[in-house]
Amino acid sequence: MMEVGKKYKFTIPREGKGSIQRVFTGRVIQICDRHITLKHSKLRFNECFQKVDLRKWGYKEVQQ
């Protein structure tokens, strides 16, 4: 289970021919019923992920 304030790495698989695997690393700043908000470590913007999608994707905690 994820916790607010901890750093995670999300791996999003390819979504079809010609697409690439994407990786996001950052700190979780909000967890709601349907989504999780991640603040990127280097890019200085936030990204929201739906919890439903996280079941298909890989994520793991990163040491700080």
PDB file of N, CA and C in Angstrom:
ATOM      1  N   MET A   1       0.842  -1.192   0.000  1.00  0.00           N
ATOM      2  CA  MET A   1       0.000   0.000   0.000  1.00  0.00           C
ATOM      3  C   MET A   1       0.882   1.248   0.000  1.00  0.00           C
ATOM      4  N   MET A   2       0.535   2.196  -0.831  1.00  0.00           N
ATOM      5  CA  MET A   2       1.297   3.439  -0.938  1.00  0.00           C
ATOM      6  C   MET A   2       0.967   4.379   0.210  1.00  0.00           C
ATOM      7  N   GLU A   3       1.930   5.242   0.523  1.00  0.00           N
ATOM      8  CA  GLU A   3       1.747   6.238   1.569  1.00  0.00           C
ATOM      9  C   GLU A   3       2.120   7.615   1.043  1.00  0.00           C
ATOM     10  N   VAL A   4       1.404   8.632   1.516  1.00  0.00           N
ATOM     11  CA  VAL A   4       1.700  10.011   1.148  1.00  0.00           C
ATOM     12  C   VAL A   4       3.064  10.380   1.711  1.00  0.00           C
ATOM     13  N   GLY A   5       3.872  11.058   0.909  1.00  0.00           N
ATOM     14  CA  GLY A   5       5.180  11.513   1.333  1.00  0.00           C
ATOM     15  C   GLY A   5       6.317  10.593   0.942  1.00  0.00           C
ATOM     16  N   LYS A   6       6.010   9.359   0.565  1.00  0.00           N
ATOM     17  CA  LYS A   6       7.055   8.429   0.151  1.00  0.00           C
ATOM     18  C   LYS A   6       7.283   8.541  -1.348  1.00  0.00           C
ATOM     19  N   LYS A   7       8.486   8.175  -1.772  1.00  0.00           N
ATOM     20  CA  LYS A   7       8.885   8.271  -3.175  1.00  0.00           C
ATOM     21  C   LYS A   7       8.674   6.922  -3.862  1.00  0.00           C
ATOM     22  N   TYR A   8       8.068   6.954  -5.057  1.00  0.00           N
ATOM     23  CA  TYR A   8       7.771   5.745  -5.813  1.00  0.00           C
ATOM     24  C   TYR A   8       8.210   5.897  -7.261  1.00  0.00           C
ATOM     25  N   LYS A   9       8.414   4.760  -7.893  1.00  0.00           N
ATOM     26  CA  LYS A   9       8.738   4.712  -9.321  1.00  0.00           C
ATOM     27  C   LYS A   9       7.625   3.928 -10.008  1.00  0.00           C
ATOM     28  N   PHE A  10       6.948   4.564 -10.963  1.00  0.00           N
ATOM     29  CA  PHE A  10       5.849   3.948 -11.707  1.00  0.00           C
ATOM     30  C   PHE A  10       6.343   3.597 -13.098  1.00  0.00           C
ATOM     31  N   THR A  11       6.073   2.379 -13.536  1.00  0.00           N
ATOM     32  CA  THR A  11       6.448   1.927 -14.870  1.00  0.00           C
ATOM     33  C   THR A  11       5.174   1.663 -15.665  1.00  0.00           C
ATOM     34  N   ILE A  12       4.988   2.434 -16.740  1.00  0.00           N
ATOM     35  CA  ILE A  12       3.793   2.313 -17.568  1.00  0.00           C
ATOM     36  C   ILE A  12       4.180   1.565 -18.841  1.00  0.00           C
ATOM     37  N   PRO A  13       3.541   0.418 -19.103  1.00  0.00           N
ATOM     38  CA  PRO A  13       3.914  -0.383 -20.269  1.00  0.00           C
ATOM     39  C   PRO A  13       3.533   0.287 -21.587  1.00  0.00           C
ATOM     40  N   ARG A  14       4.056  -0.264 -22.657  1.00  0.00           N
ATOM     41  CA  ARG A  14       3.718   0.209 -23.999  1.00  0.00           C
ATOM     42  C   ARG A  14       2.219   0.065 -24.242  1.00  0.00           C
ATOM     43  N   GLU A  15       1.662   0.983 -25.021  1.00  0.00           N
ATOM     44  CA  GLU A  15       0.227   0.970 -25.299  1.00  0.00           C
ATOM     45  C   GLU A  15      -0.061   0.761 -26.770  1.00  0.00           C
ATOM     46  N   GLY A  16       0.787   0.013 -27.458  1.00  0.00           N
ATOM     47  CA  GLY A  16       0.566  -0.251 -28.863  1.00  0.00           C
ATOM     48  C   GLY A  16       1.842  -0.097 -29.665  1.00  0.00           C
ATOM     49  N   LYS A  17       1.726  -0.417 -30.922  1.00  0.00           N
ATOM     50  CA  LYS A  17       2.885  -0.360 -31.802  1.00  0.00           C
ATOM     51  C   LYS A  17       3.396   1.078 -31.912  1.00  0.00           C
ATOM     52  N   GLY A  18       4.696   1.243 -31.779  1.00  0.00           N
ATOM     53  CA  GLY A  18       5.304   2.559 -31.906  1.00  0.00           C
ATOM     54  C   GLY A  18       5.372   3.358 -30.616  1.00  0.00           C
ATOM     55  N   SER A  19       4.740   2.873 -29.564  1.00  0.00           N
ATOM     56  CA  SER A  19       4.808   3.597 -28.298  1.00  0.00           C
ATOM     57  C   SER A  19       5.978   3.075 -27.461  1.00  0.00           C
ATOM     58  N   ILE A  20       6.328   3.815 -26.459  1.00  0.00           N
ATOM     59  CA  ILE A  20       7.451   3.421 -25.606  1.00  0.00           C
ATOM     60  C   ILE A  20       6.978   3.203 -24.172  1.00  0.00           C
ATOM     61  N   GLN A  21       7.771   2.486 -23.420  1.00  0.00           N
ATOM     62  CA  GLN A  21       7.500   2.304 -22.004  1.00  0.00           C
ATOM     63  C   GLN A  21       7.896   3.589 -21.282  1.00  0.00           C
ATOM     64  N   ARG A  22       7.039   4.080 -20.401  1.00  0.00           N
ATOM     65  CA  ARG A  22       7.313   5.322 -19.686  1.00  0.00           C
ATOM     66  C   ARG A  22       7.567   5.033 -18.208  1.00  0.00           C
ATOM     67  N   VAL A  23       8.437   5.820 -17.604  1.00  0.00           N
ATOM     68  CA  VAL A  23       8.762   5.675 -16.193  1.00  0.00           C
ATOM     69  C   VAL A  23       8.639   7.045 -15.522  1.00  0.00           C
ATOM     70  N   PHE A  24       7.899   7.094 -14.420  1.00  0.00           N
ATOM     71  CA  PHE A  24       7.744   8.310 -13.640  1.00  0.00           C
ATOM     72  C   PHE A  24       8.261   8.045 -12.238  1.00  0.00           C
ATOM     73  N   THR A  25       9.069   8.957 -11.715  1.00  0.00           N
ATOM     74  CA  THR A  25       9.559   8.840 -10.350  1.00  0.00           C
ATOM     75  C   THR A  25       9.236  10.117  -9.610  1.00  0.00           C
ATOM     76  N   GLY A  26       8.700   9.969  -8.417  1.00  0.00           N
ATOM     77  CA  GLY A  26       8.377  11.147  -7.630  1.00  0.00           C
ATOM     78  C   GLY A  26       7.719  10.788  -6.317  1.00  0.00           C
ATOM     79  N   ARG A  27       7.353  11.825  -5.596  1.00  0.00           N
ATOM     80  CA  ARG A  27       6.771  11.673  -4.266  1.00  0.00           C
ATOM     81  C   ARG A  27       5.253  11.750  -4.351  1.00  0.00           C
ATOM     82  N   VAL A  28       4.567  10.845  -3.679  1.00  0.00           N
ATOM     83  CA  VAL A  28       3.099  10.856  -3.633  1.00  0.00           C
ATOM     84  C   VAL A  28       2.666  11.987  -2.716  1.00  0.00           C
ATOM     85  N   ILE A  29       1.848  12.904  -3.247  1.00  0.00           N
ATOM     86  CA  ILE A  29       1.399  14.032  -2.447  1.00  0.00           C
ATOM     87  C   ILE A  29      -0.088  13.957  -2.093  1.00  0.00           C
ATOM     88  N   GLN A  30      -0.832  13.059  -2.769  1.00  0.00           N
ATOM     89  CA  GLN A  30      -2.257  12.929  -2.466  1.00  0.00           C
ATOM     90  C   GLN A  30      -2.756  11.564  -2.906  1.00  0.00           C
ATOM     91  N   ILE A  31      -3.563  10.937  -2.056  1.00  0.00           N
ATOM     92  CA  ILE A  31      -4.217   9.679  -2.398  1.00  0.00           C
ATOM     93  C   ILE A  31      -5.707   9.859  -2.129  1.00  0.00           C
ATOM     94  N   CYS A  32      -6.513   9.719  -3.177  1.00  0.00           N
ATOM     95  CA  CYS A  32      -7.968   9.837  -3.061  1.00  0.00           C
ATOM     96  C   CYS A  32      -8.601   8.484  -3.364  1.00  0.00           C
ATOM     97  N   ASP A  33      -9.912   8.443  -3.409  1.00  0.00           N
ATOM     98  CA  ASP A  33     -10.628   7.199  -3.677  1.00  0.00           C
ATOM     99  C   ASP A  33     -10.297   6.623  -5.044  1.00  0.00           C
ATOM    100  N   ARG A  34     -10.154   7.471  -6.046  1.00  0.00           N
ATOM    101  CA  ARG A  34      -9.980   6.994  -7.420  1.00  0.00           C
ATOM    102  C   ARG A  34      -8.632   7.299  -8.052  1.00  0.00           C
ATOM    103  N   HIS A  35      -7.860   8.198  -7.457  1.00  0.00           N
ATOM    104  CA  HIS A  35      -6.594   8.558  -8.100  1.00  0.00           C
ATOM    105  C   HIS A  35      -5.494   8.844  -7.081  1.00  0.00           C
ATOM    106  N   ILE A  36      -4.276   8.911  -7.604  1.00  0.00           N
ATOM    107  CA  ILE A  36      -3.085   9.215  -6.824  1.00  0.00           C
ATOM    108  C   ILE A  36      -2.367  10.355  -7.534  1.00  0.00           C
ATOM    109  N   THR A  37      -1.912  11.350  -6.787  1.00  0.00           N
ATOM    110  CA  THR A  37      -1.183  12.469  -7.362  1.00  0.00           C
ATOM    111  C   THR A  37       0.284  12.342  -6.982  1.00  0.00           C
ATOM    112  N   LEU A  38       1.139  12.436  -8.002  1.00  0.00           N
ATOM    113  CA  LEU A  38       2.576  12.250  -7.846  1.00  0.00           C
ATOM    114  C   LEU A  38       3.286  13.538  -8.246  1.00  0.00           C
ATOM    115  N   LYS A  39       4.187  14.037  -7.398  1.00  0.00           N
ATOM    116  CA  LYS A  39       5.001  15.205  -7.734  1.00  0.00           C
ATOM    117  C   LYS A  39       6.337  14.707  -8.251  1.00  0.00           C
ATOM    118  N   HIS A  40       6.639  15.026  -9.509  1.00  0.00           N
ATOM    119  CA  HIS A  40       7.874  14.578 -10.145  1.00  0.00           C
ATOM    120  C   HIS A  40       9.090  15.127  -9.423  1.00  0.00           C
ATOM    121  N   SER A  41      10.113  14.322  -9.346  1.00  0.00           N
ATOM    122  CA  SER A  41      11.347  14.715  -8.673  1.00  0.00           C
ATOM    123  C   SER A  41      12.093  15.811  -9.423  1.00  0.00           C
ATOM    124  N   LYS A  42      12.216  15.679 -10.728  1.00  0.00           N
ATOM    125  CA  LYS A  42      13.047  16.591 -11.513  1.00  0.00           C
ATOM    126  C   LYS A  42      12.254  17.553 -12.392  1.00  0.00           C
ATOM    127  N   LEU A  43      11.050  17.177 -12.802  1.00  0.00           N
ATOM    128  CA  LEU A  43      10.330  17.948 -13.807  1.00  0.00           C
ATOM    129  C   LEU A  43       9.441  19.049 -13.246  1.00  0.00           C
ATOM    130  N   ARG A  44       9.270  19.113 -11.950  1.00  0.00           N
ATOM    131  CA  ARG A  44       8.529  20.187 -11.275  1.00  0.00           C
ATOM    132  C   ARG A  44       7.072  20.324 -11.711  1.00  0.00           C
ATOM    133  N   PHE A  45       6.401  19.213 -11.956  1.00  0.00           N
ATOM    134  CA  PHE A  45       4.961  19.245 -12.177  1.00  0.00           C
ATOM    135  C   PHE A  45       4.345  17.995 -11.567  1.00  0.00           C
ATOM    136  N   ASN A  46       3.033  18.007 -11.429  1.00  0.00           N
ATOM    137  CA  ASN A  46       2.316  16.888 -10.818  1.00  0.00           C
ATOM    138  C   ASN A  46       1.670  16.035 -11.896  1.00  0.00           C
ATOM    139  N   GLU A  47       1.531  14.757 -11.591  1.00  0.00           N
ATOM    140  CA  GLU A  47       0.890  13.802 -12.507  1.00  0.00           C
ATOM    141  C   GLU A  47      -0.126  13.012 -11.699  1.00  0.00           C
ATOM    142  N   CYS A  48      -1.319  12.825 -12.253  1.00  0.00           N
ATOM    143  CA  CYS A  48      -2.355  12.033 -11.590  1.00  0.00           C
ATOM    144  C   CYS A  48      -2.492  10.688 -12.287  1.00  0.00           C
ATOM    145  N   PHE A  49      -2.609   9.638 -11.494  1.00  0.00           N
ATOM    146  CA  PHE A  49      -2.824   8.290 -12.000  1.00  0.00           C
ATOM    147  C   PHE A  49      -4.090   7.731 -11.382  1.00  0.00           C
ATOM    148  N   GLN A  50      -4.893   7.048 -12.176  1.00  0.00           N
ATOM    149  CA  GLN A  50      -6.074   6.386 -11.633  1.00  0.00           C
ATOM    150  C   GLN A  50      -5.650   5.103 -10.942  1.00  0.00           C
ATOM    151  N   LYS A  51      -6.262   4.805  -9.815  1.00  0.00           N
ATOM    152  CA  LYS A  51      -5.920   3.593  -9.075  1.00  0.00           C
ATOM    153  C   LYS A  51      -6.204   2.341  -9.898  1.00  0.00           C
ATOM    154  N   VAL A  52      -7.216   2.393 -10.765  1.00  0.00           N
ATOM    155  CA  VAL A  52      -7.552   1.247 -11.617  1.00  0.00           C
ATOM    156  C   VAL A  52      -6.368   0.898 -12.520  1.00  0.00           C
ATOM    157  N   ASP A  53      -5.694   1.909 -13.057  1.00  0.00           N
ATOM    158  CA  ASP A  53      -4.551   1.683 -13.938  1.00  0.00           C
ATOM    159  C   ASP A  53      -3.357   1.111 -13.188  1.00  0.00           C
ATOM    160  N   LEU A  54      -3.212   1.446 -11.922  1.00  0.00           N
ATOM    161  CA  LEU A  54      -2.065   0.968 -11.148  1.00  0.00           C
ATOM    162  C   LEU A  54      -2.060  -0.546 -11.006  1.00  0.00           C
ATOM    163  N   ARG A  55      -3.197  -1.182 -11.134  1.00  0.00           N
ATOM    164  CA  ARG A  55      -3.252  -2.653 -11.078  1.00  0.00           C
ATOM    165  C   ARG A  55      -2.535  -3.274 -12.275  1.00  0.00           C
ATOM    166  N   LYS A  56      -2.556  -2.593 -13.421  1.00  0.00           N
ATOM    167  CA  LYS A  56      -1.906  -3.086 -14.634  1.00  0.00           C
ATOM    168  C   LYS A  56      -0.443  -2.686 -14.696  1.00  0.00           C
ATOM    169  N   TRP A  57      -0.084  -1.558 -14.078  1.00  0.00           N
ATOM    170  CA  TRP A  57       1.265  -1.027 -14.140  1.00  0.00           C
ATOM    171  C   TRP A  57       2.093  -1.549 -12.987  1.00  0.00           C
ATOM    172  N   GLY A  58       3.371  -1.345 -13.073  1.00  0.00           N
ATOM    173  CA  GLY A  58       4.256  -1.699 -11.977  1.00  0.00           C
ATOM    174  C   GLY A  58       4.659  -0.444 -11.206  1.00  0.00           C
ATOM    175  N   TYR A  59       4.780  -0.572  -9.906  1.00  0.00           N
ATOM    176  CA  TYR A  59       5.312   0.514  -9.106  1.00  0.00           C
ATOM    177  C   TYR A  59       6.041  -0.047  -7.915  1.00  0.00           C
ATOM    178  N   LYS A  60       7.040   0.677  -7.454  1.00  0.00           N
ATOM    179  CA  LYS A  60       7.785   0.237  -6.290  1.00  0.00           C
ATOM    180  C   LYS A  60       8.306   1.461  -5.541  1.00  0.00           C
ATOM    181  N   GLU A  61       8.529   1.278  -4.251  1.00  0.00           N
ATOM    182  CA  GLU A  61       9.054   2.361  -3.429  1.00  0.00           C
ATOM    183  C   GLU A  61      10.541   2.554  -3.735  1.00  0.00           C
ATOM    184  N   VAL A  62      10.948   3.819  -3.774  1.00  0.00           N
ATOM    185  CA  VAL A  62      12.338   4.170  -4.052  1.00  0.00           C
ATOM    186  C   VAL A  62      12.951   4.711  -2.770  1.00  0.00           C
ATOM    187  N   GLN A  63      14.192   4.347  -2.499  1.00  0.00           N
ATOM    188  CA  GLN A  63      14.902   4.863  -1.329  1.00  0.00           C
ATOM    189  C   GLN A  63      15.140   6.360  -1.506  1.00  0.00           C
ATOM    190  N   GLN A  64      15.001   7.108  -0.430  1.00  0.00           N
ATOM    191  CA  GLN A  64      15.121   8.574  -0.509  1.00  0.00           C
ATOM    192  C   GLN A  64      16.510   9.057  -0.372  1.00  0.00           C
TER     193      GLN A  64
END
